[in-house]
C-alpha atoms as a PDB file:
ATOM      1  CA  MET A   1     126.491 -17.115-134.451  1.00  0.00           C
ATOM      2  CA  GLN A   2     124.510 -15.827-131.544  1.00  0.00           C
ATOM      3  CA  HIS A   3     126.090 -14.539-128.390  1.00  0.00           C
ATOM      4  CA  VAL A   4     124.354 -15.328-125.209  1.00  0.00           C
ATOM      5  CA  PHE A   5     125.149 -13.154-122.239  1.00  0.00           C
ATOM      6  CA  SER A   6     124.737 -14.798-118.940  1.00  0.00           C
ATOM      7  CA  PHE A   7     125.794 -13.709-115.493  1.00  0.00           C
ATOM      8  CA  THR A   8     125.255 -14.834-112.006  1.00  0.00           C
ATOM      9  CA  LEU A   9     123.576 -12.985-109.183  1.00  0.00           C
ATOM     10  CA  ALA A  10     126.951 -12.340-107.553  1.00  0.00           C
ATOM     11  CA  GLU A  11     128.280 -10.821-110.783  1.00  0.00           C
ATOM     12  CA  ALA A  12     125.169  -8.602-111.048  1.00  0.00           C
ATOM     13  CA  TRP A  13     125.699  -7.358-107.463  1.00  0.00           C
ATOM     14  CA  ALA A  14     129.378  -6.789-108.149  1.00  0.00           C
ATOM     15  CA  PHE A  15     128.543  -4.785-111.277  1.00  0.00           C
ATOM     16  CA  LEU A  16     125.976  -2.756-109.329  1.00  0.00           C
ATOM     17  CA  ILE A  17     128.492  -2.045-106.550  1.00  0.00           C
ATOM     18  CA  TYR A  18     131.164  -1.050-109.080  1.00  0.00           C
ATOM     19  CA  ALA A  19     128.696   1.228-110.883  1.00  0.00           C
ATOM     20  CA  ALA A  20     127.611   2.834-107.607  1.00  0.00           C
ATOM     21  CA  GLY A  21     131.259   3.272-106.615  1.00  0.00           C
ATOM     22  CA  ALA A  22     132.043   4.876-109.974  1.00  0.00           C
ATOM     23  CA  ALA A  23     129.054   7.219-109.649  1.00  0.00           C
ATOM     24  CA  ALA A  24     130.112   8.171-106.110  1.00  0.00           C
ATOM     25  CA  GLY A  25     133.683   8.757-107.323  1.00  0.00           C
ATOM     26  CA  LEU A  26     132.495  10.970-110.169  1.00  0.00           C
ATOM     27  CA  TYR A  27     130.249  12.911-107.771  1.00  0.00           C
ATOM     28  CA  ALA A  28     133.111  13.392-105.301  1.00  0.00           C
ATOM     29  CA  GLY A  29     135.374  14.499-108.148  1.00  0.00           C
ATOM     30  CA  GLY A  30     132.748  16.976-109.330  1.00  0.00           C
ATOM     31  CA  VAL A  31     132.363  18.369-105.809  1.00  0.00           C
ATOM     32  CA  ALA A  32     136.136  18.720-105.477  1.00  0.00           C
ATOM     33  CA  ILE A  33     136.405  20.489-108.839  1.00  0.00           C
ATOM     34  CA  SER A  34     133.512  22.761-107.884  1.00  0.00           C
ATOM     35  CA  LYS A  35     135.260  23.680-104.621  1.00  0.00           C
ATOM     36  CA  VAL A  36     138.484  24.433-106.468  1.00  0.00           C
ATOM     37  CA  ILE A  37     136.683  26.650-109.000  1.00  0.00           C
ATOM     38  CA  THR A  38     134.839  28.464-106.188  1.00  0.00           C
ATOM     39  CA  ALA A  39     138.094  28.979-104.304  1.00  0.00           C
ATOM     40  CA  VAL A  40     139.772  30.346-107.434  1.00  0.00           C
ATOM     41  CA  LYS A  41     136.871  32.744-108.147  1.00  0.00           C
ATOM     42  CA  LYS A  42     136.470  33.903-104.516  1.00  0.00           C
ATOM     43  CA  PRO A  43     139.092  36.705-104.605  1.00  0.00           C
ATOM     44  CA  LYS A  44     137.536  38.155-107.760  1.00  0.00           C
ATOM     45  CA  THR A  45     134.043  37.920-106.294  1.00  0.00           C
ATOM     46  CA  ASP A  46     135.172  39.601-103.073  1.00  0.00           C
ATOM     47  CA  GLN A  47     136.986  42.269-105.066  1.00  0.00           C
ATOM     48  CA  ASP A  48     133.940  42.953-107.255  1.00  0.00           C
ATOM     49  CA  LYS A  49     131.743  43.268-104.162  1.00  0.00           C
ATOM     50  CA  ARG A  50     134.213  45.661-102.526  1.00  0.00           C
ATOM     51  CA  ILE A  51     134.520  47.760-105.704  1.00  0.00           C
ATOM     52  CA  THR A  52     130.726  48.027-105.922  1.00  0.00           C
ATOM     53  CA  GLN A  53     130.564  49.218-102.297  1.00  0.00           C
ATOM     54  CA  LEU A  54     133.352  51.743-102.907  1.00  0.00           C
ATOM     55  CA  GLU A  55     131.654  53.059-106.052  1.00  0.00           C
ATOM     56  CA  THR A  56     128.460  53.583-104.049  1.00  0.00           C
ATOM     57  CA  ARG A  57     130.402  55.512-101.403  1.00  0.00           C
ATOM     58  CA  VAL A  58     132.206  57.605-104.024  1.00  0.00           C
ATOM     59  CA  ASN A  59     128.900  58.502-105.708  1.00  0.00           C
ATOM     60  CA  ALA A  60     127.484  59.608-102.343  1.00  0.00           C
ATOM     61  CA  MET A  61     130.610  61.661-101.610  1.00  0.00           C
ATOM     62  CA  GLU A  62     130.442  63.303-105.041  1.00  0.00           C
ATOM     63  CA  GLY A  63     126.884  64.387-104.233  1.00  0.00           C
ATOM     64  CA  PHE A  64     128.032  65.876-100.929  1.00  0.00           C
ATOM     65  CA  LEU A  65     130.932  67.661-102.648  1.00  0.00           C
ATOM     66  CA  ARG A  66     128.623  69.051-105.335  1.00  0.00           C
ATOM     67  CA  ASN A  67     126.286  70.424-102.651  1.00  0.00           C
ATOM     68  CA  ASP A  68     129.211  71.904-100.719  1.00  0.00           C
ATOM     69  CA  LYS A  69     130.587  73.564-103.862  1.00  0.00           C
ATOM     70  CA  GLN A  70     127.207  75.132-104.626  1.00  0.00           C
ATOM     71  CA  ARG A  71     126.979  76.418-101.056  1.00  0.00           C
ATOM     72  CA  LEU A  72     130.521  77.836-101.146  1.00  0.00           C
ATOM     73  CA  ASP A  73     129.889  79.461-104.534  1.00  0.00           C
ATOM     74  CA  ARG A  74     126.739  81.072-103.104  1.00  0.00           C
ATOM     75  CA  MET A  75     128.721  82.314-100.106  1.00  0.00           C
ATOM     76  CA  ASP A  76     131.403  83.765-102.426  1.00  0.00           C
ATOM     77  CA  GLU A  77     128.719  85.547-104.412  1.00  0.00           C
ATOM     78  CA  GLY A  78     127.206  86.954-101.213  1.00  0.00           C
ATOM     79  CA  GLN A  79     130.589  88.109 -99.990  1.00  0.00           C
ATOM     80  CA  HIS A  80     131.239  89.812-103.331  1.00  0.00           C
ATOM     81  CA  VAL A  81     127.888  91.653-103.154  1.00  0.00           C
ATOM     82  CA  THR A  82     128.571  92.656 -99.541  1.00  0.00           C
ATOM     83  CA  MET A  83     131.986  94.035-100.482  1.00  0.00           C
ATOM     84  CA  GLN A  84     130.447  96.056-103.333  1.00  0.00           C
ATOM     85  CA  ALA A  85     127.889  97.503-100.925  1.00  0.00           C
ATOM     86  CA  LEU A  86     130.628  98.335 -98.416  1.00  0.00           C
ATOM     87  CA  LEU A  87     132.678 100.018-101.134  1.00  0.00           C
ATOM     88  CA  ALA A  88     129.632 102.086-102.170  1.00  0.00           C
ATOM     89  CA  LEU A  89     129.112 103.163 -98.544  1.00  0.00           C
ATOM     90  CA  LEU A  90     132.757 104.158 -98.210  1.00  0.00           C
ATOM     91  CA  ASP A  91     132.662 106.158-101.445  1.00  0.00           C
ATOM     92  CA  HIS A  92     129.461 107.888-100.356  1.00  0.00           C
ATOM     93  CA  ASN A  93     130.889 108.734 -96.953  1.00  0.00           C
ATOM     94  CA  LEU A  94     134.010 110.165 -98.544  1.00  0.00           C
ATOM     95  CA  ASP A  95     132.471 112.429-101.150  1.00  0.00           C
ATOM     96  CA  GLY A  96     128.691 112.184-100.596  1.00  0.00           C
ATOM     97  CA  ASN A  97     127.916 111.972-104.318  1.00  0.00           C
ATOM     98  CA  ASN A  98     127.868 108.229-105.160  1.00  0.00           C
ATOM     99  CA  ILE A  99     124.126 107.758-104.915  1.00  0.00           C
ATOM    100  CA  ASP A 100     123.953 105.795-108.214  1.00  0.00           C
ATOM    101  CA  GLN A 101     126.643 103.370-107.040  1.00  0.00           C
ATOM    102  CA  MET A 102     124.837 102.936-103.694  1.00  0.00           C
ATOM    103  CA  GLN A 103     121.528 102.309-105.534  1.00  0.00           C
ATOM    104  CA  LYS A 104     123.191  99.601-107.685  1.00  0.00           C
ATOM    105  CA  ALA A 105     124.795  98.017-104.610  1.00  0.00           C
ATOM    106  CA  LYS A 106     121.438  98.056-102.808  1.00  0.00           C
ATOM    107  CA  GLU A 107     119.717  96.348-105.746  1.00  0.00           C
ATOM    108  CA  ALA A 108     122.463  93.744-106.010  1.00  0.00           C
ATOM    109  CA  LEU A 109     122.256  93.045-102.274  1.00  0.00           C
ATOM    110  CA  GLN A 110     118.460  92.758-102.422  1.00  0.00           C
ATOM    111  CA  LYS A 111     118.678  90.441-105.414  1.00  0.00           C
ATOM    112  CA  HIS A 112     121.190  88.260-103.578  1.00  0.00           C
ATOM    113  CA  LEU A 113     119.235  88.145-100.324  1.00  0.00           C
ATOM    114  CA  ILE A 114     115.756  87.789-101.743  1.00  0.00           C
ATOM    115  CA  GLY A 115     116.648  85.798-104.812  1.00  0.00           C
END
């Protein structure tokens, strides 16, 4: 037994309209789902962007702090050398015999100033 499919022009147009309506409905549903997914992911995306910016700032600040620490350490070293030289001068002024200590203080001060 053979089945013969036959349809009229009006039925063909109706099928075409239903198919187009179904495609439009699926597209609209996909767009709505996409918007929902984007809205759900937005806080995480914003947070990740903000964290990246903060990490960049922290890295820059760590560089500044490292430079400041090196500068302060160098200043502490210079102050220590200056105090040793001052102590040598005081000892020499008191007893007049600390020439070796003054020579060492002079060398340390020269080394610190000249490098």
